[in-house]
């Protein structure tokens, strides 16, 4: 299992970023996928999840209305569109297949003026 996150960076409050996660080594279309984040000194938290077919979607309350998770099963890729970013969104973001115990290296998102 390999998960490679990309798209992070430094952005001002109110800005946007689109994260991507390229997956390989398993049947991507058969697994629900998720995005987690971990801020300095805090536990890793589940941010968003999407079912294998992309029909069922859930978000943590703090990002509802601002973040959108999506997937392209033809490209084995899951995305996280982040709008209206706030300083408290600063964290390392990871993608994960919900039933597999593998993590990528993560991508850093920093929201600061």
C-alpha atoms as a PDB file:
ATOM      1  CA  UNK A   1       0.000   0.000   0.000  1.00  0.00           C
ATOM      2  CA  UNK A   2       1.357   3.406  -0.983  1.00  0.00           C
ATOM      3  CA  UNK A   3      -0.285   6.760  -0.355  1.00  0.00           C
ATOM      4  CA  UNK A   4       1.344   9.953  -1.625  1.00  0.00           C
ATOM      5  CA  UNK A   5      -0.163  13.259  -0.514  1.00  0.00           C
ATOM      6  CA  UNK A   6       0.557  16.547  -2.266  1.00  0.00           C
ATOM      7  CA  UNK A   7      -0.776  20.066  -2.623  1.00  0.00           C
ATOM      8  CA  UNK A   8      -0.023  21.545   0.771  1.00  0.00           C
ATOM      9  CA  UNK A   9       1.636  24.883   1.315  1.00  0.00           C
ATOM     10  CA  UNK A  10       1.487  28.266   2.982  1.00  0.00           C
ATOM     11  CA  UNK A  11      -1.720  30.216   2.458  1.00  0.00           C
ATOM     12  CA  UNK A  12      -3.256  33.330   3.991  1.00  0.00           C
ATOM     13  CA  UNK A  13      -6.433  33.129   6.078  1.00  0.00           C
ATOM     14  CA  UNK A  14      -9.441  32.891   3.795  1.00  0.00           C
ATOM     15  CA  UNK A  15      -7.399  31.236   1.072  1.00  0.00           C
ATOM     16  CA  UNK A  16      -7.802  27.885  -0.650  1.00  0.00           C
ATOM     17  CA  UNK A  17      -5.796  24.752  -1.317  1.00  0.00           C
ATOM     18  CA  UNK A  18      -6.505  21.479  -3.060  1.00  0.00           C
ATOM     19  CA  UNK A  19      -4.848  18.386  -1.648  1.00  0.00           C
ATOM     20  CA  UNK A  20      -4.379  15.204  -3.672  1.00  0.00           C
ATOM     21  CA  UNK A  21      -3.578  11.670  -2.583  1.00  0.00           C
ATOM     22  CA  UNK A  22      -2.380   9.137  -5.133  1.00  0.00           C
ATOM     23  CA  UNK A  23      -2.978   5.566  -3.994  1.00  0.00           C
ATOM     24  CA  UNK A  24      -1.469   2.298  -5.177  1.00  0.00           C
ATOM     25  CA  UNK A  25      -0.943  -1.259  -4.013  1.00  0.00           C
ATOM     26  CA  UNK A  26      -4.588  -2.047  -3.302  1.00  0.00           C
ATOM     27  CA  UNK A  27      -7.936  -2.008  -5.103  1.00  0.00           C
ATOM     28  CA  UNK A  28      -8.658   1.672  -4.572  1.00  0.00           C
ATOM     29  CA  UNK A  29     -12.249   1.552  -5.813  1.00  0.00           C
ATOM     30  CA  UNK A  30     -13.159  -1.007  -3.137  1.00  0.00           C
ATOM     31  CA  UNK A  31     -12.165   1.126  -0.157  1.00  0.00           C
ATOM     32  CA  UNK A  32     -13.636   4.101   1.595  1.00  0.00           C
ATOM     33  CA  UNK A  33     -11.000   6.820   1.851  1.00  0.00           C
ATOM     34  CA  UNK A  34     -10.379   9.551   4.375  1.00  0.00           C
ATOM     35  CA  UNK A  35      -8.344  12.621   5.190  1.00  0.00           C
ATOM     36  CA  UNK A  36      -6.870  13.106   8.651  1.00  0.00           C
ATOM     37  CA  UNK A  37      -4.860  15.980  10.055  1.00  0.00           C
ATOM     38  CA  UNK A  38      -2.472  16.419  12.946  1.00  0.00           C
ATOM     39  CA  UNK A  39      -1.617  19.804  14.388  1.00  0.00           C
ATOM     40  CA  UNK A  40       1.466  20.332  16.579  1.00  0.00           C
ATOM     41  CA  UNK A  41       0.858  18.957  20.059  1.00  0.00           C
ATOM     42  CA  UNK A  42      -2.522  17.502  19.144  1.00  0.00           C
ATOM     43  CA  UNK A  43      -3.852  14.073  18.298  1.00  0.00           C
ATOM     44  CA  UNK A  44      -4.512  13.089  14.716  1.00  0.00           C
ATOM     45  CA  UNK A  45      -8.167  13.713  13.839  1.00  0.00           C
ATOM     46  CA  UNK A  46     -10.455  12.506  11.092  1.00  0.00           C
ATOM     47  CA  UNK A  47     -11.409  15.437   8.857  1.00  0.00           C
ATOM     48  CA  UNK A  48     -13.450  13.854   6.064  1.00  0.00           C
ATOM     49  CA  UNK A  49     -14.359  10.463   4.661  1.00  0.00           C
ATOM     50  CA  UNK A  50     -15.856   9.257   1.403  1.00  0.00           C
ATOM     51  CA  UNK A  51     -17.328   5.873   0.548  1.00  0.00           C
ATOM     52  CA  UNK A  52     -15.844   3.630  -2.122  1.00  0.00           C
ATOM     53  CA  UNK A  53     -18.323   4.824  -4.761  1.00  0.00           C
ATOM     54  CA  UNK A  54     -18.198   8.434  -3.600  1.00  0.00           C
ATOM     55  CA  UNK A  55     -21.810   8.502  -2.478  1.00  0.00           C
ATOM     56  CA  UNK A  56     -21.444   8.622   1.303  1.00  0.00           C
ATOM     57  CA  UNK A  57     -19.495  11.596   2.645  1.00  0.00           C
ATOM     58  CA  UNK A  58     -18.872  12.838   6.169  1.00  0.00           C
ATOM     59  CA  UNK A  59     -16.998  15.797   7.649  1.00  0.00           C
ATOM     60  CA  UNK A  60     -15.889  16.848  11.089  1.00  0.00           C
ATOM     61  CA  UNK A  61     -18.034  19.774  12.211  1.00  0.00           C
ATOM     62  CA  UNK A  62     -15.168  22.271  12.132  1.00  0.00           C
ATOM     63  CA  UNK A  63     -14.737  21.980   8.344  1.00  0.00           C
ATOM     64  CA  UNK A  64     -18.348  21.554   7.186  1.00  0.00           C
ATOM     65  CA  UNK A  65     -19.208  24.047   4.476  1.00  0.00           C
ATOM     66  CA  UNK A  66     -15.536  24.825   3.805  1.00  0.00           C
ATOM     67  CA  UNK A  67     -13.912  21.522   2.790  1.00  0.00           C
ATOM     68  CA  UNK A  68     -14.992  19.101   0.057  1.00  0.00           C
ATOM     69  CA  UNK A  69     -13.732  15.533  -0.287  1.00  0.00           C
ATOM     70  CA  UNK A  70     -13.949  13.791  -3.638  1.00  0.00           C
ATOM     71  CA  UNK A  71     -12.373  10.875  -5.462  1.00  0.00           C
ATOM     72  CA  UNK A  72     -11.565   9.698  -8.965  1.00  0.00           C
ATOM     73  CA  UNK A  73     -11.514   5.904  -9.001  1.00  0.00           C
ATOM     74  CA  UNK A  74     -10.130   5.878 -12.551  1.00  0.00           C
ATOM     75  CA  UNK A  75      -7.068   7.759 -11.300  1.00  0.00           C
ATOM     76  CA  UNK A  76      -6.811   6.070  -7.874  1.00  0.00           C
ATOM     77  CA  UNK A  77      -6.824   9.522  -6.319  1.00  0.00           C
ATOM     78  CA  UNK A  78      -8.708  11.192  -3.498  1.00  0.00           C
ATOM     79  CA  UNK A  79      -8.896  14.974  -3.139  1.00  0.00           C
ATOM     80  CA  UNK A  80      -9.583  17.510  -0.418  1.00  0.00           C
ATOM     81  CA  UNK A  81     -10.673  20.939  -1.600  1.00  0.00           C
ATOM     82  CA  UNK A  82     -10.181  23.432   1.225  1.00  0.00           C
ATOM     83  CA  UNK A  83     -11.717  26.896   1.103  1.00  0.00           C
ATOM     84  CA  UNK A  84     -12.022  29.628   3.696  1.00  0.00           C
ATOM     85  CA  UNK A  85      -8.912  28.375   5.441  1.00  0.00           C
ATOM     86  CA  UNK A  86      -8.329  29.426   9.040  1.00  0.00           C
ATOM     87  CA  UNK A  87      -5.157  29.428  11.156  1.00  0.00           C
ATOM     88  CA  UNK A  88      -6.603  26.534  13.142  1.00  0.00           C
ATOM     89  CA  UNK A  89      -6.549  24.415   9.967  1.00  0.00           C
ATOM     90  CA  UNK A  90      -2.762  24.426  10.136  1.00  0.00           C
ATOM     91  CA  UNK A  91      -1.631  20.793  10.336  1.00  0.00           C
ATOM     92  CA  UNK A  92      -0.047  17.937   8.470  1.00  0.00           C
ATOM     93  CA  UNK A  93      -2.756  16.325   6.345  1.00  0.00           C
ATOM     94  CA  UNK A  94      -2.789  12.591   5.640  1.00  0.00           C
ATOM     95  CA  UNK A  95      -4.969  10.370   3.518  1.00  0.00           C
ATOM     96  CA  UNK A  96      -5.887   6.840   4.554  1.00  0.00           C
ATOM     97  CA  UNK A  97      -7.951   3.940   3.355  1.00  0.00           C
ATOM     98  CA  UNK A  98     -10.363   3.405   6.237  1.00  0.00           C
ATOM     99  CA  UNK A  99      -9.840  -0.367   6.510  1.00  0.00           C
ATOM    100  CA  UNK A 100      -6.084  -0.372   5.921  1.00  0.00           C
ATOM    101  CA  UNK A 101      -3.437   0.478   8.479  1.00  0.00           C
ATOM    102  CA  UNK A 102      -1.115   2.439   6.211  1.00  0.00           C
ATOM    103  CA  UNK A 103      -0.249   6.126   6.168  1.00  0.00           C
ATOM    104  CA  UNK A 104       1.495   8.360   3.678  1.00  0.00           C
ATOM    105  CA  UNK A 105       4.101  10.953   4.539  1.00  0.00           C
ATOM    106  CA  UNK A 106       1.516  13.715   4.771  1.00  0.00           C
ATOM    107  CA  UNK A 107       1.497  17.217   3.347  1.00  0.00           C
ATOM    108  CA  UNK A 108       1.938  20.358   5.446  1.00  0.00           C
ATOM    109  CA  UNK A 109      -0.768  23.017   5.370  1.00  0.00           C
ATOM    110  CA  UNK A 110       0.063  26.306   7.050  1.00  0.00           C
ATOM    111  CA  UNK A 111      -2.499  29.093   7.285  1.00  0.00           C
ATOM    112  CA  UNK A 112      -0.904  32.343   8.338  1.00  0.00           C
ATOM    113  CA  UNK A 113      -0.751  35.990   7.399  1.00  0.00           C
END
